[in-house]
């Protein structure tokens, strides 16, 4: 086990995060408060746009819209509103 201060943790964060996978790392906040850094599971955050199936459905719908003529062509990128209005 290794005990460190918050200042030491800030200076060498990567070192202590790597070390925590091998041994117990305790961070002291004050004389009575401590926190232990423990290894955990890898967390994957997914949202509605990162799901590949959903993305493929949206892309397919976009291709269908283009094939059916449901799109607006931007002729001058510097003057988008002229093409839209």
PDB file of N, CA and C in Angstrom:
ATOM      1  N   UNK A   1       0.850  -1.179   0.000  1.00  0.00           N
ATOM      2  CA  UNK A   1       0.000   0.000   0.000  1.00  0.00           C
ATOM      3  C   UNK A   1       0.886   1.229   0.000  1.00  0.00           C
ATOM      4  N   UNK A   2       0.420   2.250  -0.729  1.00  0.00           N
ATOM      5  CA  UNK A   2       1.127   3.523  -0.766  1.00  0.00           C
ATOM      6  C   UNK A   2       0.123   4.618  -0.432  1.00  0.00           C
ATOM      7  N   UNK A   3       0.528   5.555   0.400  1.00  0.00           N
ATOM      8  CA  UNK A   3      -0.328   6.685   0.775  1.00  0.00           C
ATOM      9  C   UNK A   3       0.325   7.967   0.275  1.00  0.00           C
ATOM     10  N   UNK A   4      -0.463   8.801  -0.411  1.00  0.00           N
ATOM     11  CA  UNK A   4       0.062  10.041  -0.983  1.00  0.00           C
ATOM     12  C   UNK A   4      -0.881  11.195  -0.675  1.00  0.00           C
ATOM     13  N   UNK A   5      -0.384  12.403  -0.874  1.00  0.00           N
ATOM     14  CA  UNK A   5      -1.207  13.600  -0.691  1.00  0.00           C
ATOM     15  C   UNK A   5      -1.878  13.960  -2.017  1.00  0.00           C
ATOM     16  N   UNK A   6      -2.839  14.855  -1.952  1.00  0.00           N
ATOM     17  CA  UNK A   6      -3.498  15.304  -3.180  1.00  0.00           C
ATOM     18  C   UNK A   6      -2.522  16.059  -4.077  1.00  0.00           C
ATOM     19  N   UNK A   7      -1.591  16.793  -3.479  1.00  0.00           N
ATOM     20  CA  UNK A   7      -0.593  17.519  -4.270  1.00  0.00           C
ATOM     21  C   UNK A   7       0.285  16.540  -5.051  1.00  0.00           C
ATOM     22  N   UNK A   8       0.704  15.457  -4.388  1.00  0.00           N
ATOM     23  CA  UNK A   8       1.517  14.442  -5.060  1.00  0.00           C
ATOM     24  C   UNK A   8       0.718  13.762  -6.171  1.00  0.00           C
ATOM     25  N   UNK A   9      -0.558  13.510  -5.939  1.00  0.00           N
ATOM     26  CA  UNK A   9      -1.410  12.906  -6.958  1.00  0.00           C
ATOM     27  C   UNK A   9      -1.516  13.815  -8.179  1.00  0.00           C
ATOM     28  N   UNK A  10      -1.715  15.112  -7.941  1.00  0.00           N
ATOM     29  CA  UNK A  10      -1.812  16.058  -9.056  1.00  0.00           C
ATOM     30  C   UNK A  10      -0.523  16.087  -9.869  1.00  0.00           C
ATOM     31  N   UNK A  11       0.607  16.040  -9.213  1.00  0.00           N
ATOM     32  CA  UNK A  11       1.893  16.097  -9.914  1.00  0.00           C
ATOM     33  C   UNK A  11       2.158  14.854 -10.752  1.00  0.00           C
ATOM     34  N   UNK A  12       1.727  13.704 -10.269  1.00  0.00           N
ATOM     35  CA  UNK A  12       2.060  12.429 -10.911  1.00  0.00           C
ATOM     36  C   UNK A  12       0.833  11.548 -11.103  1.00  0.00           C
ATOM     37  N   UNK A  13      -0.222  12.112 -11.644  1.00  0.00           N
ATOM     38  CA  UNK A  13      -1.483  11.399 -11.769  1.00  0.00           C
ATOM     39  C   UNK A  13      -1.329  10.092 -12.541  1.00  0.00           C
ATOM     40  N   UNK A  14      -0.740  10.124 -13.721  1.00  0.00           N
ATOM     41  CA  UNK A  14      -0.594   8.924 -14.548  1.00  0.00           C
ATOM     42  C   UNK A  14       0.172   7.827 -13.796  1.00  0.00           C
ATOM     43  N   UNK A  15       1.231   8.216 -13.110  1.00  0.00           N
ATOM     44  CA  UNK A  15       2.045   7.256 -12.361  1.00  0.00           C
ATOM     45  C   UNK A  15       1.191   6.506 -11.336  1.00  0.00           C
ATOM     46  N   UNK A  16       0.388   7.249 -10.565  1.00  0.00           N
ATOM     47  CA  UNK A  16      -0.391   6.615  -9.502  1.00  0.00           C
ATOM     48  C   UNK A  16      -1.601   5.847 -10.031  1.00  0.00           C
ATOM     49  N   UNK A  17      -2.156   6.276 -11.158  1.00  0.00           N
ATOM     50  CA  UNK A  17      -3.241   5.496 -11.754  1.00  0.00           C
ATOM     51  C   UNK A  17      -2.722   4.159 -12.259  1.00  0.00           C
ATOM     52  N   UNK A  18      -1.553   4.166 -12.862  1.00  0.00           N
ATOM     53  CA  UNK A  18      -0.942   2.904 -13.305  1.00  0.00           C
ATOM     54  C   UNK A  18      -0.568   2.035 -12.108  1.00  0.00           C
ATOM     55  N   UNK A  19      -0.029   2.651 -11.072  1.00  0.00           N
ATOM     56  CA  UNK A  19       0.379   1.921  -9.883  1.00  0.00           C
ATOM     57  C   UNK A  19      -0.820   1.275  -9.181  1.00  0.00           C
ATOM     58  N   UNK A  20      -1.968   1.936  -9.255  1.00  0.00           N
ATOM     59  CA  UNK A  20      -3.172   1.436  -8.576  1.00  0.00           C
ATOM     60  C   UNK A  20      -3.652   0.111  -9.153  1.00  0.00           C
ATOM     61  N   UNK A  21      -3.223  -0.246 -10.348  1.00  0.00           N
ATOM     62  CA  UNK A  21      -3.606  -1.542 -10.906  1.00  0.00           C
ATOM     63  C   UNK A  21      -2.802  -2.675 -10.266  1.00  0.00           C
ATOM     64  N   UNK A  22      -1.688  -2.317  -9.612  1.00  0.00           N
ATOM     65  CA  UNK A  22      -0.817  -3.325  -9.013  1.00  0.00           C
ATOM     66  C   UNK A  22      -0.887  -3.350  -7.487  1.00  0.00           C
ATOM     67  N   UNK A  23      -1.104  -2.172  -6.891  1.00  0.00           N
ATOM     68  CA  UNK A  23      -1.177  -2.122  -5.429  1.00  0.00           C
ATOM     69  C   UNK A  23      -2.149  -1.042  -4.984  1.00  0.00           C
ATOM     70  N   UNK A  24      -2.476  -1.068  -3.722  1.00  0.00           N
ATOM     71  CA  UNK A  24      -3.436  -0.130  -3.146  1.00  0.00           C
ATOM     72  C   UNK A  24      -2.812   1.260  -3.056  1.00  0.00           C
ATOM     73  N   UNK A  25      -3.514   2.274  -3.588  1.00  0.00           N
ATOM     74  CA  UNK A  25      -3.065   3.660  -3.515  1.00  0.00           C
ATOM     75  C   UNK A  25      -4.119   4.442  -2.731  1.00  0.00           C
ATOM     76  N   UNK A  26      -3.680   5.056  -1.630  1.00  0.00           N
ATOM     77  CA  UNK A  26      -4.574   5.829  -0.773  1.00  0.00           C
ATOM     78  C   UNK A  26      -4.176   7.296  -0.870  1.00  0.00           C
ATOM     79  N   UNK A  27      -5.169   8.153  -1.136  1.00  0.00           N
ATOM     80  CA  UNK A  27      -4.938   9.594  -1.227  1.00  0.00           C
ATOM     81  C   UNK A  27      -5.475  10.229   0.041  1.00  0.00           C
ATOM     82  N   UNK A  28      -4.605  10.989   0.743  1.00  0.00           N
ATOM     83  CA  UNK A  28      -5.006  11.666   1.981  1.00  0.00           C
ATOM     84  C   UNK A  28      -5.455  13.093   1.666  1.00  0.00           C
ATOM     85  N   UNK A  29      -6.689  13.433   2.074  1.00  0.00           N
ATOM     86  CA  UNK A  29      -7.211  14.784   1.899  1.00  0.00           C
ATOM     87  C   UNK A  29      -6.957  15.631   3.129  1.00  0.00           C
ATOM     88  N   UNK A  30      -7.035  15.022   4.251  1.00  0.00           N
ATOM     89  CA  UNK A  30      -6.794  15.696   5.525  1.00  0.00           C
ATOM     90  C   UNK A  30      -6.386  14.612   6.513  1.00  0.00           C
ATOM     91  N   UNK A  31      -6.323  14.971   7.781  1.00  0.00           N
ATOM     92  CA  UNK A  31      -5.931  13.973   8.779  1.00  0.00           C
ATOM     93  C   UNK A  31      -6.959  12.860   8.923  1.00  0.00           C
ATOM     94  N   UNK A  32      -8.217  13.156   8.573  1.00  0.00           N
ATOM     95  CA  UNK A  32      -9.274  12.155   8.779  1.00  0.00           C
ATOM     96  C   UNK A  32      -9.893  11.634   7.484  1.00  0.00           C
ATOM     97  N   UNK A  33      -9.640  12.298   6.363  1.00  0.00           N
ATOM     98  CA  UNK A  33     -10.280  11.897   5.110  1.00  0.00           C
ATOM     99  C   UNK A  33      -9.271  11.274   4.140  1.00  0.00           C
ATOM    100  N   UNK A  34      -9.636  10.111   3.628  1.00  0.00           N
ATOM    101  CA  UNK A  34      -8.815   9.435   2.626  1.00  0.00           C
ATOM    102  C   UNK A  34      -9.709   8.822   1.560  1.00  0.00           C
ATOM    103  N   UNK A  35      -9.125   8.604   0.391  1.00  0.00           N
ATOM    104  CA  UNK A  35      -9.803   7.941  -0.706  1.00  0.00           C
ATOM    105  C   UNK A  35      -8.842   6.924  -1.285  1.00  0.00           C
ATOM    106  N   UNK A  36      -9.362   5.751  -1.619  1.00  0.00           N
ATOM    107  CA  UNK A  36      -8.535   4.706  -2.212  1.00  0.00           C
ATOM    108  C   UNK A  36      -8.792   4.644  -3.716  1.00  0.00           C
ATOM    109  N   UNK A  37      -7.733   4.576  -4.497  1.00  0.00           N
ATOM    110  CA  UNK A  37      -7.860   4.396  -5.942  1.00  0.00           C
ATOM    111  C   UNK A  37      -7.819   2.899  -6.202  1.00  0.00           C
ATOM    112  N   UNK A  38      -8.873   2.389  -6.808  1.00  0.00           N
ATOM    113  CA  UNK A  38      -8.949   0.960  -7.083  1.00  0.00           C
ATOM    114  C   UNK A  38      -9.203   0.729  -8.568  1.00  0.00           C
ATOM    115  N   UNK A  39      -8.645  -0.349  -9.117  1.00  0.00           N
ATOM    116  CA  UNK A  39      -8.917  -0.639 -10.528  1.00  0.00           C
ATOM    117  C   UNK A  39     -10.373  -1.041 -10.713  1.00  0.00           C
ATOM    118  N   UNK A  40     -10.923  -0.714 -11.852  1.00  0.00           N
ATOM    119  CA  UNK A  40     -12.306  -1.069 -12.139  1.00  0.00           C
ATOM    120  C   UNK A  40     -12.439  -1.600 -13.552  1.00  0.00           C
ATOM    121  N   UNK A  41     -13.659  -1.842 -13.945  1.00  0.00           N
ATOM    122  CA  UNK A  41     -13.937  -2.323 -15.285  1.00  0.00           C
ATOM    123  C   UNK A  41     -13.866  -1.168 -16.271  1.00  0.00           C
ATOM    124  N   UNK A  42     -13.509  -1.485 -17.503  1.00  0.00           N
ATOM    125  CA  UNK A  42     -13.511  -0.475 -18.545  1.00  0.00           C
ATOM    126  C   UNK A  42     -14.954  -0.087 -18.830  1.00  0.00           C
ATOM    127  N   UNK A  43     -15.220   1.193 -18.848  1.00  0.00           N
ATOM    128  CA  UNK A  43     -16.573   1.689 -19.070  1.00  0.00           C
ATOM    129  C   UNK A  43     -16.674   2.226 -20.484  1.00  0.00           C
ATOM    130  N   UNK A  44     -17.664   1.765 -21.218  1.00  0.00           N
ATOM    131  CA  UNK A  44     -17.905   2.257 -22.565  1.00  0.00           C
ATOM    132  C   UNK A  44     -19.204   3.040 -22.547  1.00  0.00           C
ATOM    133  N   UNK A  45     -19.124   4.271 -22.969  1.00  0.00           N
ATOM    134  CA  UNK A  45     -20.310   5.118 -23.013  1.00  0.00           C
ATOM    135  C   UNK A  45     -20.896   5.035 -24.412  1.00  0.00           C
ATOM    136  N   UNK A  46     -22.173   4.687 -24.489  1.00  0.00           N
ATOM    137  CA  UNK A  46     -22.846   4.620 -25.775  1.00  0.00           C
ATOM    138  C   UNK A  46     -24.015   5.591 -25.755  1.00  0.00           C
ATOM    139  N   UNK A  47     -24.210   6.243 -26.859  1.00  0.00           N
ATOM    140  CA  UNK A  47     -25.379   7.096 -27.000  1.00  0.00           C
ATOM    141  C   UNK A  47     -26.126   6.667 -28.263  1.00  0.00           C
ATOM    142  N   UNK A  48     -27.221   7.328 -28.559  1.00  0.00           N
ATOM    143  CA  UNK A  48     -28.039   6.909 -29.689  1.00  0.00           C
ATOM    144  C   UNK A  48     -27.333   7.081 -31.032  1.00  0.00           C
ATOM    145  N   UNK A  49     -26.283   7.901 -31.098  1.00  0.00           N
ATOM    146  CA  UNK A  49     -25.601   8.129 -32.362  1.00  0.00           C
ATOM    147  C   UNK A  49     -24.397   7.222 -32.570  1.00  0.00           C
ATOM    148  N   UNK A  50     -23.911   6.563 -31.515  1.00  0.00           N
ATOM    149  CA  UNK A  50     -22.732   5.721 -31.658  1.00  0.00           C
ATOM    150  C   UNK A  50     -23.076   4.267 -31.961  1.00  0.00           C
ATOM    151  N   UNK A  51     -24.349   3.926 -31.993  1.00  0.00           N
ATOM    152  CA  UNK A  51     -24.764   2.570 -32.307  1.00  0.00           C
ATOM    153  C   UNK A  51     -24.689   2.378 -33.822  1.00  0.00           C
ATOM    154  N   UNK A  52     -23.877   1.449 -34.284  1.00  0.00           N
ATOM    155  CA  UNK A  52     -23.669   1.269 -35.724  1.00  0.00           C
ATOM    156  C   UNK A  52     -24.946   0.931 -36.478  1.00  0.00           C
ATOM    157  N   UNK A  53     -25.830   0.135 -35.901  1.00  0.00           N
ATOM    158  CA  UNK A  53     -27.084  -0.224 -36.564  1.00  0.00           C
ATOM    159  C   UNK A  53     -27.916   1.027 -36.804  1.00  0.00           C
ATOM    160  N   UNK A  54     -28.016   1.854 -35.786  1.00  0.00           N
ATOM    161  CA  UNK A  54     -28.786   3.103 -35.906  1.00  0.00           C
ATOM    162  C   UNK A  54     -28.157   4.020 -36.957  1.00  0.00           C
ATOM    163  N   UNK A  55     -26.836   4.127 -36.946  1.00  0.00           N
ATOM    164  CA  UNK A  55     -26.144   4.967 -37.920  1.00  0.00           C
ATOM    165  C   UNK A  55     -26.405   4.490 -39.344  1.00  0.00           C
ATOM    166  N   UNK A  56     -26.353   3.189 -39.564  1.00  0.00           N
ATOM    167  CA  UNK A  56     -26.604   2.644 -40.896  1.00  0.00           C
ATOM    168  C   UNK A  56     -28.034   2.921 -41.356  1.00  0.00           C
ATOM    169  N   UNK A  57     -28.989   2.852 -40.429  1.00  0.00           N
ATOM    170  CA  UNK A  57     -30.383   3.161 -40.768  1.00  0.00           C
ATOM    171  C   UNK A  57     -30.533   4.618 -41.195  1.00  0.00           C
ATOM    172  N   UNK A  58     -29.893   5.514 -40.472  1.00  0.00           N
ATOM    173  CA  UNK A  58     -29.972   6.944 -40.785  1.00  0.00           C
ATOM    174  C   UNK A  58     -29.317   7.225 -42.134  1.00  0.00           C
ATOM    175  N   UNK A  59     -28.166   6.610 -42.384  1.00  0.00           N
ATOM    176  CA  UNK A  59     -27.492   6.811 -43.670  1.00  0.00           C
ATOM    177  C   UNK A  59     -28.333   6.276 -44.828  1.00  0.00           C
ATOM    178  N   UNK A  60     -28.968   5.124 -44.627  1.00  0.00           N
ATOM    179  CA  UNK A  60     -29.816   4.557 -45.666  1.00  0.00           C
ATOM    180  C   UNK A  60     -30.990   5.477 -45.958  1.00  0.00           C
ATOM    181  N   UNK A  61     -31.616   6.029 -44.925  1.00  0.00           N
ATOM    182  CA  UNK A  61     -32.730   6.960 -45.119  1.00  0.00           C
ATOM    183  C   UNK A  61     -32.259   8.197 -45.880  1.00  0.00           C
ATOM    184  N   UNK A  62     -31.055   8.690 -45.552  1.00  0.00           N
ATOM    185  CA  UNK A  62     -30.511   9.839 -46.267  1.00  0.00           C
ATOM    186  C   UNK A  62     -30.301   9.543 -47.739  1.00  0.00           C
ATOM    187  N   UNK A  63     -29.799   8.359 -48.045  1.00  0.00           N
ATOM    188  CA  UNK A  63     -29.613   7.966 -49.448  1.00  0.00           C
ATOM    189  C   UNK A  63     -30.954   7.865 -50.171  1.00  0.00           C
ATOM    190  N   UNK A  64     -31.973   7.343 -49.490  1.00  0.00           N
ATOM    191  CA  UNK A  64     -33.312   7.257 -50.077  1.00  0.00           C
ATOM    192  C   UNK A  64     -33.877   8.652 -50.340  1.00  0.00           C
ATOM    193  N   UNK A  65     -33.669   9.584 -49.400  1.00  0.00           N
ATOM    194  CA  UNK A  65     -34.132  10.963 -49.593  1.00  0.00           C
ATOM    195  C   UNK A  65     -33.469  11.596 -50.813  1.00  0.00           C
ATOM    196  N   UNK A  66     -32.182  11.376 -50.964  1.00  0.00           N
ATOM    197  CA  UNK A  66     -31.466  11.941 -52.115  1.00  0.00           C
ATOM    198  C   UNK A  66     -31.994  11.340 -53.412  1.00  0.00           C
ATOM    199  N   UNK A  67     -32.179  10.015 -53.443  1.00  0.00           N
ATOM    200  CA  UNK A  67     -32.691   9.353 -54.643  1.00  0.00           C
ATOM    201  C   UNK A  67     -34.087   9.839 -55.007  1.00  0.00           C
ATOM    202  N   UNK A  68     -34.896  10.200 -54.003  1.00  0.00           N
ATOM    203  CA  UNK A  68     -36.262  10.675 -54.241  1.00  0.00           C
ATOM    204  C   UNK A  68     -36.309  12.180 -54.504  1.00  0.00           C
ATOM    205  N   UNK A  69     -35.148  12.827 -54.463  1.00  0.00           N
ATOM    206  CA  UNK A  69     -35.119  14.262 -54.738  1.00  0.00           C
ATOM    207  C   UNK A  69     -35.451  15.134 -53.543  1.00  0.00           C
ATOM    208  N   UNK A  70     -35.466  14.563 -52.350  1.00  0.00           N
ATOM    209  CA  UNK A  70     -35.775  15.334 -51.143  1.00  0.00           C
ATOM    210  C   UNK A  70     -34.475  15.882 -50.536  1.00  0.00           C
ATOM    211  N   UNK A  71     -33.929  16.887 -51.172  1.00  0.00           N
ATOM    212  CA  UNK A  71     -32.715  17.539 -50.675  1.00  0.00           C
ATOM    213  C   UNK A  71     -32.640  18.950 -51.238  1.00  0.00           C
ATOM    214  N   UNK A  72     -31.791  19.753 -50.659  1.00  0.00           N
ATOM    215  CA  UNK A  72     -31.554  21.111 -51.143  1.00  0.00           C
ATOM    216  C   UNK A  72     -30.079  21.229 -51.498  1.00  0.00           C
ATOM    217  N   UNK A  73     -29.820  21.620 -52.716  1.00  0.00           N
ATOM    218  CA  UNK A  73     -28.440  21.782 -53.164  1.00  0.00           C
ATOM    219  C   UNK A  73     -27.952  23.183 -52.800  1.00  0.00           C
ATOM    220  N   UNK A  74     -26.810  23.253 -52.161  1.00  0.00           N
ATOM    221  CA  UNK A  74     -26.189  24.530 -51.805  1.00  0.00           C
ATOM    222  C   UNK A  74     -25.244  24.906 -52.942  1.00  0.00           C
ATOM    223  N   UNK A  75     -25.603  25.954 -53.682  1.00  0.00           N
ATOM    224  CA  UNK A  75     -24.802  26.350 -54.841  1.00  0.00           C
ATOM    225  C   UNK A  75     -23.582  27.186 -54.445  1.00  0.00           C
ATOM    226  N   UNK A  76     -23.747  28.032 -53.426  1.00  0.00           N
ATOM    227  CA  UNK A  76     -22.644  28.892 -52.978  1.00  0.00           C
ATOM    228  C   UNK A  76     -22.491  28.737 -51.465  1.00  0.00           C
ATOM    229  N   UNK A  77     -21.461  28.009 -51.022  1.00  0.00           N
ATOM    230  CA  UNK A  77     -21.279  27.787 -49.582  1.00  0.00           C
ATOM    231  C   UNK A  77     -21.105  29.074 -48.783  1.00  0.00           C
ATOM    232  N   UNK A  78     -20.686  30.132 -49.421  1.00  0.00           N
ATOM    233  CA  UNK A  78     -20.515  31.414 -48.714  1.00  0.00           C
ATOM    234  C   UNK A  78     -21.846  32.138 -48.539  1.00  0.00           C
ATOM    235  N   UNK A  79     -22.868  31.715 -49.287  1.00  0.00           N
ATOM    236  CA  UNK A  79     -24.185  32.329 -49.193  1.00  0.00           C
ATOM    237  C   UNK A  79     -25.246  31.223 -49.141  1.00  0.00           C
ATOM    238  N   UNK A  80     -25.247  30.483 -48.033  1.00  0.00           N
ATOM    239  CA  UNK A  80     -26.140  29.334 -47.877  1.00  0.00           C
ATOM    240  C   UNK A  80     -27.606  29.740 -47.950  1.00  0.00           C
ATOM    241  N   UNK A  81     -27.958  30.863 -47.333  1.00  0.00           N
ATOM    242  CA  UNK A  81     -29.364  31.261 -47.249  1.00  0.00           C
ATOM    243  C   UNK A  81     -29.984  31.491 -48.612  1.00  0.00           C
ATOM    244  N   UNK A  82     -29.207  31.908 -49.595  1.00  0.00           N
ATOM    245  CA  UNK A  82     -29.742  32.116 -50.935  1.00  0.00           C
ATOM    246  C   UNK A  82     -30.235  30.798 -51.522  1.00  0.00           C
ATOM    247  N   UNK A  83     -29.572  29.688 -51.213  1.00  0.00           N
ATOM    248  CA  UNK A  83     -29.991  28.387 -51.712  1.00  0.00           C
ATOM    249  C   UNK A  83     -31.173  27.825 -50.932  1.00  0.00           C
ATOM    250  N   UNK A  84     -31.272  28.161 -49.661  1.00  0.00           N
ATOM    251  CA  UNK A  84     -32.322  27.603 -48.822  1.00  0.00           C
ATOM    252  C   UNK A  84     -33.643  28.337 -48.984  1.00  0.00           C
ATOM    253  N   UNK A  85     -33.572  29.651 -49.047  1.00  0.00           N
ATOM    254  CA  UNK A  85     -34.826  30.439 -49.099  1.00  0.00           C
ATOM    255  C   UNK A  85     -35.373  30.609 -50.469  1.00  0.00           C
TER     256      UNK A  85
END
